Amino acid sequence: MTDDYVGDPAVQAEWDRRYADRQQLWSGRPNGALVAEVAGMTPGRVLDVGCGEGADAVWLARNGWDVTALEVSGVALERAAGHARDAGVEVHWVHAGLAEAALPPRSFDLVSAQYPALLRTPDAAAERALLDAVAPGGVLLLVHHAGMEAQEAHDGDFDPADYVWPSMVAALLDDAWQVEVDEQRPRVAPEGGAGAHHTDDVVLRVRRLR
């Protein structure tokens, strides 16, 4: 893992503060939608976008995937790397923002973004980075909390208009993509951890045809 962060320093600082405030922010278990959607897929190269403390990355590696895990928070990455060492699995850690990471294009069989906090930009950089990372024949799996896109802005804290939602990624799809899943479903929520109060997911699973 490298300490050379690539991205917006303010975003890194914000997420470092969030992680530093708690000994463990998330549940430590893989996201239910990921487990359900990956079942039956042949393991290959996977990009875990916004890997947090590494539960999804470790689970994927244990199940035979070649994992690249990207995260803006160095605090979270240190925890994730420790969990991977404890589990005896290898993960390639990338300390960067998604749009700034300069990932090899069209090189991942699966791009997984579970409840990502991706900032919206006029050029749709994050949305395009998600799609650009998927190899021909590969899958983008984007999961988010249902209903958040339409929420009112919170005072000085959270404005949905600042972030990327599955509908924005879906709007960029052309005939090179096949939509396999685009639905709202009850969330299989791990016990404990931030976000446990959300009850429904929006799941977008699309495959690059060429």
Protein backbone atom coordinates (compact mmCIF):
# COMPACT_ATOMS: atom_id res chain seq x y z
CA MET A 1 0.00 0.00 0.00
CA THR A 2 1.30 3.42 -0.91
CA ASP A 3 0.95 6.57 1.16
CA ASP A 4 1.02 8.79 -1.94
CA TYR A 5 -2.59 9.96 -2.02
CA VAL A 6 -3.97 11.13 -5.35
CA GLY A 7 -7.09 13.25 -5.10
CA ASP A 8 -8.72 16.16 -3.31
CA PRO A 9 -6.97 16.73 0.06
CA ALA A 10 -10.18 18.13 1.56
CA VAL A 11 -12.07 14.92 0.74
CA GLN A 12 -9.29 12.83 2.26
CA ALA A 13 -9.28 14.96 5.42
CA GLU A 14 -13.07 14.73 5.79
CA TRP A 15 -13.10 10.94 5.57
CA ASP A 16 -10.04 10.55 7.76
CA ARG A 17 -11.90 12.51 10.44
CA ARG A 18 -14.97 10.30 10.11
CA TYR A 19 -12.95 7.13 10.52
CA ALA A 20 -10.72 8.49 13.27
CA ASP A 21 -13.77 9.41 15.34
CA ARG A 22 -14.67 5.73 15.77
CA GLN A 23 -12.62 2.62 16.34
CA GLN A 24 -14.76 0.86 13.72
CA LEU A 25 -17.16 2.68 11.42
CA TRP A 26 -18.72 -0.24 9.54
CA SER A 27 -19.97 -3.69 10.54
CA GLY A 28 -16.93 -5.65 9.35
CA ARG A 29 -19.11 -7.94 7.20
CA PRO A 30 -19.50 -7.87 3.41
CA ASN A 31 -22.44 -6.02 1.93
CA GLY A 32 -25.44 -8.26 1.32
CA ALA A 33 -26.17 -7.02 -2.20
CA LEU A 34 -22.58 -7.73 -3.23
CA VAL A 35 -22.71 -11.27 -1.85
CA ALA A 36 -26.02 -11.92 -3.61
CA GLU A 37 -25.02 -10.48 -6.98
CA VAL A 38 -21.56 -12.06 -7.12
CA ALA A 39 -22.90 -15.55 -6.40
CA GLY A 40 -22.32 -17.65 -9.51
CA MET A 41 -19.85 -15.24 -11.10
CA THR A 42 -16.46 -16.60 -12.14
CA PRO A 43 -13.78 -14.83 -10.09
CA GLY A 44 -11.50 -12.49 -12.01
CA ARG A 45 -10.16 -8.98 -11.51
CA VAL A 46 -12.34 -6.79 -9.31
CA LEU A 47 -12.20 -3.12 -8.37
CA ASP A 48 -13.74 -2.29 -4.98
CA VAL A 49 -14.60 1.42 -5.09
CA GLY A 50 -14.63 3.11 -1.69
CA CYS A 51 -13.47 0.01 0.14
CA GLY A 52 -13.66 1.53 3.62
CA GLU A 53 -12.34 -0.82 6.28
CA GLY A 54 -12.04 -3.63 3.75
CA ALA A 55 -14.85 -6.09 4.52
CA ASP A 56 -15.91 -6.46 0.87
CA ALA A 57 -12.31 -6.58 -0.38
CA VAL A 58 -11.35 -9.32 2.07
CA TRP A 59 -14.50 -11.32 1.28
CA LEU A 60 -13.84 -11.07 -2.46
CA ALA A 61 -10.20 -12.11 -2.04
CA ARG A 62 -11.23 -15.08 0.08
CA ASN A 63 -13.54 -16.12 -2.74
CA GLY A 64 -10.82 -16.16 -5.36
CA TRP A 65 -10.97 -12.66 -6.79
CA ASP A 66 -7.89 -10.61 -7.70
CA VAL A 67 -8.82 -7.49 -5.73
CA THR A 68 -7.88 -3.86 -6.25
CA ALA A 69 -9.43 -1.73 -3.50
CA LEU A 70 -9.63 2.05 -3.74
CA GLU A 71 -10.26 4.44 -0.85
CA VAL A 72 -9.69 8.14 -0.09
CA SER A 73 -9.18 7.69 3.66
CA GLY A 74 -5.74 6.60 4.77
CA VAL A 75 -7.16 5.76 8.21
CA ALA A 76 -9.63 3.34 6.61
CA LEU A 77 -6.97 1.81 4.38
CA GLU A 78 -4.70 1.06 7.33
CA ARG A 79 -7.57 -0.79 9.00
CA ALA A 80 -8.43 -2.60 5.77
CA ALA A 81 -4.85 -3.70 5.23
CA GLY A 82 -4.76 -5.04 8.78
CA HIS A 83 -7.94 -7.05 8.22
CA ALA A 84 -6.48 -8.50 5.02
CA ARG A 85 -3.29 -9.52 6.81
CA ASP A 86 -5.34 -11.16 9.55
CA ALA A 87 -7.33 -13.03 6.92
CA GLY A 88 -4.21 -14.09 5.03
CA VAL A 89 -5.32 -12.60 1.72
CA GLU A 90 -3.63 -10.32 -0.79
CA VAL A 91 -5.29 -7.06 -1.86
CA HIS A 92 -3.85 -4.25 -3.99
CA TRP A 93 -4.66 -1.03 -2.12
CA VAL A 94 -5.02 2.28 -3.96
CA HIS A 95 -5.10 5.50 -1.91
CA ALA A 96 -6.89 7.82 -4.31
CA GLY A 97 -10.11 9.38 -5.43
CA LEU A 98 -11.87 7.43 -8.16
CA ALA A 99 -11.64 10.12 -10.84
CA GLU A 100 -7.98 10.83 -10.02
CA ALA A 101 -6.75 7.24 -9.70
CA ALA A 102 -5.77 6.75 -13.37
CA LEU A 103 -6.89 3.13 -13.27
CA PRO A 104 -6.15 0.98 -16.31
CA PRO A 105 -9.17 1.34 -18.59
CA ARG A 106 -11.46 -1.59 -19.35
CA SER A 107 -9.45 -3.95 -17.16
CA PHE A 108 -11.79 -5.19 -14.41
CA ASP A 109 -14.21 -8.10 -14.72
CA LEU A 110 -16.22 -6.60 -11.87
CA VAL A 111 -16.39 -3.04 -10.60
CA SER A 112 -18.19 -2.95 -7.25
CA ALA A 113 -19.34 0.34 -5.72
CA GLN A 114 -21.33 -0.27 -2.54
CA TYR A 115 -22.97 2.90 -1.20
CA PRO A 116 -20.17 5.09 -2.61
CA ALA A 117 -19.83 8.76 -1.64
CA LEU A 118 -18.79 9.97 -5.08
CA LEU A 119 -18.89 13.71 -5.59
CA ARG A 120 -20.75 14.92 -8.65
CA THR A 121 -18.91 17.08 -11.19
CA PRO A 122 -20.12 18.89 -14.32
CA ASP A 123 -18.18 16.48 -16.55
CA ALA A 124 -19.56 13.36 -14.80
CA ALA A 125 -15.99 12.27 -14.03
CA ALA A 126 -16.91 9.73 -11.34
CA GLU A 127 -19.71 8.15 -13.38
CA ARG A 128 -17.45 7.81 -16.40
CA ALA A 129 -14.60 6.42 -14.29
CA LEU A 130 -16.88 3.65 -13.00
CA LEU A 131 -17.90 2.68 -16.52
CA ASP A 132 -14.43 3.08 -18.04
CA ALA A 133 -12.93 0.58 -15.58
CA VAL A 134 -15.14 -2.30 -16.73
CA ALA A 135 -13.61 -4.80 -19.15
CA PRO A 136 -15.55 -6.11 -22.18
CA GLY A 137 -17.87 -8.78 -20.84
CA GLY A 138 -17.44 -7.40 -17.32
CA VAL A 139 -19.98 -6.08 -14.83
CA LEU A 140 -20.51 -2.83 -12.95
CA LEU A 141 -22.42 -3.37 -9.72
CA LEU A 142 -23.57 -0.11 -8.14
CA VAL A 143 -25.61 -0.27 -4.93
CA HIS A 144 -27.01 2.68 -2.99
CA HIS A 145 -29.54 3.49 -0.30
CA ALA A 146 -32.99 3.92 -1.79
CA GLY A 147 -34.60 7.31 -1.42
CA MET A 148 -31.48 9.28 -0.57
CA GLU A 149 -31.31 10.93 -3.97
CA ALA A 150 -34.59 12.74 -3.26
CA GLN A 151 -33.83 13.80 0.31
CA GLU A 152 -33.66 17.43 1.33
CA ALA A 153 -30.23 18.86 2.06
CA HIS A 154 -29.15 18.63 5.70
CA ASP A 155 -27.87 21.80 7.32
CA GLY A 156 -24.16 22.05 6.55
CA ASP A 157 -23.78 18.30 6.27
CA PHE A 158 -25.28 16.37 3.38
CA ASP A 159 -26.80 17.56 0.13
CA PRO A 160 -27.87 14.75 -2.24
CA ALA A 161 -27.31 17.08 -5.19
CA ASP A 162 -23.57 16.91 -4.50
CA TYR A 163 -23.32 13.16 -5.06
CA VAL A 164 -23.53 10.54 -7.80
CA TRP A 165 -26.54 8.20 -7.75
CA PRO A 166 -27.24 5.05 -9.79
CA SER A 167 -29.71 6.89 -12.04
CA MET A 168 -26.89 9.19 -13.19
CA VAL A 169 -24.72 6.24 -14.19
CA ALA A 170 -27.65 4.57 -15.95
CA ALA A 171 -28.24 7.77 -17.94
CA LEU A 172 -24.78 7.42 -19.53
CA LEU A 173 -25.31 3.88 -20.83
CA ASP A 174 -25.38 3.29 -24.57
CA ASP A 175 -25.83 0.18 -26.71
CA ALA A 176 -22.45 -1.15 -25.56
CA TRP A 177 -24.13 -1.99 -22.25
CA GLN A 178 -26.79 -4.44 -21.15
CA VAL A 179 -28.82 -3.70 -18.02
CA GLU A 180 -29.13 -6.93 -16.03
CA VAL A 181 -30.61 -5.53 -12.80
CA ASP A 182 -32.11 -2.10 -12.10
CA GLU A 183 -34.40 -2.33 -9.11
CA GLN A 184 -35.20 -1.39 -5.56
CA ARG A 185 -35.17 -4.23 -3.05
CA PRO A 186 -35.12 -4.78 0.71
CA ARG A 187 -31.61 -4.39 2.05
CA VAL A 188 -29.78 -7.35 3.54
CA ALA A 189 -28.22 -5.23 6.25
CA PRO A 190 -25.33 -6.37 8.43
CA GLU A 191 -25.86 -5.78 12.13
CA GLY A 192 -24.26 -2.65 13.50
CA GLY A 193 -22.11 -0.12 11.74
CA ALA A 194 -23.00 3.18 10.12
CA GLY A 195 -25.92 3.07 7.68
CA ALA A 196 -27.61 0.11 9.36
CA HIS A 197 -30.89 2.07 9.59
CA HIS A 198 -31.40 2.05 5.81
CA THR A 199 -33.97 -0.57 4.82
CA ASP A 200 -33.95 -0.61 1.00
CA ASP A 201 -31.31 -0.70 -1.73
CA VAL A 202 -31.22 0.52 -5.29
CA VAL A 203 -29.23 -2.09 -7.24
CA LEU A 204 -27.84 -1.37 -10.70
CA ARG A 205 -25.97 -4.20 -12.42
CA VAL A 206 -24.85 -3.62 -16.00
CA ARG A 207 -22.62 -5.61 -18.33
CA ARG A 208 -20.28 -4.20 -20.97
CA LEU A 209 -20.99 -6.06 -24.22
CA ARG A 210 -17.95 -4.76 -26.08
